[in-house]
Amino acid sequence: MSAIDGLRRSIVGRLGACNVDELRVLDQLLVRIELGRDQYGHLDLSRKRDWARERSEEMADWAIYDACLILAQRDEAMRGAPAQVSDRTLKDALVAFDLSDEGQG
């Protein structure tokens, strides 16, 4: 059995222990991998990339999207729509990802 076949068999075996929410999370990760594959080709860990820089850029993008979501939810709540405002603030996110002035010390 090849290494890839063994890995596939191992993953399939472990999927049986997952509940529906765990499977939904894994499905979303696979969707993202598939989108990346369609846009950039197969992931190749042997190809040199600056993973730390790419991660930092993605975390900064996440912080922007999170702030937009919080503001959109607050705007909806102000208009009388049901409020579901995130409990995570942009400042918390920036500190958590060491992107704020507080995290630079």
Protein backbone atom coordinates (compact mmCIF):
# COMPACT_ATOMS: atom_id res chain seq x y z
CA MET A 1 0.00 0.00 0.00
CA SER A 2 1.33 3.42 -0.93
CA ALA A 3 1.73 6.20 1.64
CA ILE A 4 -1.14 8.16 0.12
CA ASP A 5 -3.42 5.10 0.20
CA GLY A 6 -2.54 4.53 3.86
CA LEU A 7 -3.27 8.15 4.70
CA ARG A 8 -6.61 8.04 2.88
CA ARG A 9 -7.55 4.82 4.67
CA SER A 10 -6.60 6.37 8.04
CA ILE A 11 -8.70 9.48 7.38
CA VAL A 12 -11.72 7.49 6.25
CA GLY A 13 -11.47 5.35 9.38
CA ARG A 14 -11.38 8.37 11.67
CA LEU A 15 -14.32 10.06 9.94
CA GLY A 16 -16.58 7.36 11.34
CA ALA A 17 -16.01 8.70 14.86
CA CYS A 18 -16.97 12.28 13.92
CA ASN A 19 -20.33 13.77 14.85
CA VAL A 20 -22.30 15.85 12.37
CA ASP A 21 -20.79 19.19 13.46
CA GLU A 22 -17.25 17.85 13.22
CA LEU A 23 -18.04 16.56 9.73
CA ARG A 24 -19.46 19.97 8.78
CA VAL A 25 -16.22 21.65 9.89
CA LEU A 26 -14.11 19.15 7.94
CA ASP A 27 -16.35 19.65 4.91
CA GLN A 28 -15.78 23.42 5.05
CA LEU A 29 -12.01 22.90 5.25
CA LEU A 30 -12.18 20.63 2.21
CA VAL A 31 -14.22 23.24 0.34
CA ARG A 32 -11.47 25.79 1.02
CA ILE A 33 -8.77 23.33 -0.10
CA GLU A 34 -10.73 22.63 -3.28
CA LEU A 35 -11.12 26.35 -4.01
CA GLY A 36 -7.40 26.84 -3.51
CA ARG A 37 -6.64 23.87 -5.76
CA ASP A 38 -8.94 25.23 -8.48
CA GLN A 39 -7.32 28.66 -8.30
CA TYR A 40 -3.65 27.82 -7.62
CA GLY A 41 -3.21 24.10 -8.33
CA HIS A 42 -2.47 21.31 -5.86
CA LEU A 43 -0.95 22.29 -2.53
CA ASP A 44 2.75 21.45 -2.64
CA LEU A 45 4.57 21.71 0.67
CA SER A 46 7.91 21.13 -1.06
CA ARG A 47 7.54 24.45 -2.88
CA LYS A 48 9.16 27.26 -0.88
CA ARG A 49 6.64 29.78 0.45
CA ASP A 50 6.66 32.34 3.23
CA TRP A 51 4.01 30.66 5.40
CA ALA A 52 4.44 33.13 8.27
CA ARG A 53 3.85 36.13 5.98
CA GLU A 54 0.87 34.48 4.30
CA ARG A 55 -0.61 33.58 7.70
CA SER A 56 -0.19 37.16 8.94
CA GLU A 57 -1.88 38.51 5.81
CA GLU A 58 -4.78 36.08 6.19
CA MET A 59 -5.18 36.97 9.89
CA ALA A 60 -5.26 40.65 9.03
CA ASP A 61 -7.93 39.93 6.41
CA TRP A 62 -9.86 37.93 9.02
CA ALA A 63 -9.74 40.87 11.43
CA ILE A 64 -11.17 43.14 8.74
CA TYR A 65 -13.97 40.68 7.90
CA ASP A 66 -14.71 40.24 11.61
CA ALA A 67 -14.94 44.00 12.13
CA CYS A 68 -17.26 44.29 9.11
CA LEU A 69 -19.46 41.52 10.50
CA ILE A 70 -19.63 43.16 13.94
CA LEU A 71 -20.51 46.53 12.43
CA ALA A 72 -23.12 45.05 10.09
CA GLN A 73 -24.72 43.18 13.00
CA ARG A 74 -24.72 46.33 15.12
CA ASP A 75 -26.29 48.30 12.25
CA GLU A 76 -29.02 45.64 11.95
CA ALA A 77 -29.63 45.78 15.70
CA MET A 78 -29.91 49.59 15.55
CA ARG A 79 -32.56 49.23 12.82
CA GLY A 80 -34.53 46.89 15.09
CA ALA A 81 -33.46 43.60 13.57
CA PRO A 82 -32.64 40.78 16.00
CA ALA A 83 -29.20 41.45 17.46
CA GLN A 84 -26.56 38.77 17.17
CA VAL A 85 -23.48 40.89 17.75
CA SER A 86 -20.24 38.97 18.05
CA ASP A 87 -18.70 38.98 21.52
CA ARG A 88 -15.23 39.30 20.00
CA THR A 89 -14.17 42.85 19.29
CA LEU A 90 -11.69 43.91 16.66
CA LYS A 91 -9.28 44.98 19.40
CA ASP A 92 -9.48 41.51 20.99
CA ALA A 93 -8.79 39.94 17.60
CA LEU A 94 -5.83 42.20 16.89
CA VAL A 95 -4.29 41.50 20.30
CA ALA A 96 -4.93 37.77 19.91
CA PHE A 97 -3.08 37.78 16.61
CA ASP A 98 -0.37 40.16 17.85
CA LEU A 99 -1.32 42.78 15.26
CA SER A 100 -2.08 45.69 17.61
CA ASP A 101 0.18 48.11 19.44
CA GLU A 102 -0.56 46.22 22.68
CA GLY A 103 0.61 42.98 21.12
CA GLN A 104 3.83 44.56 19.88
CA GLY A 105 5.39 44.89 23.31
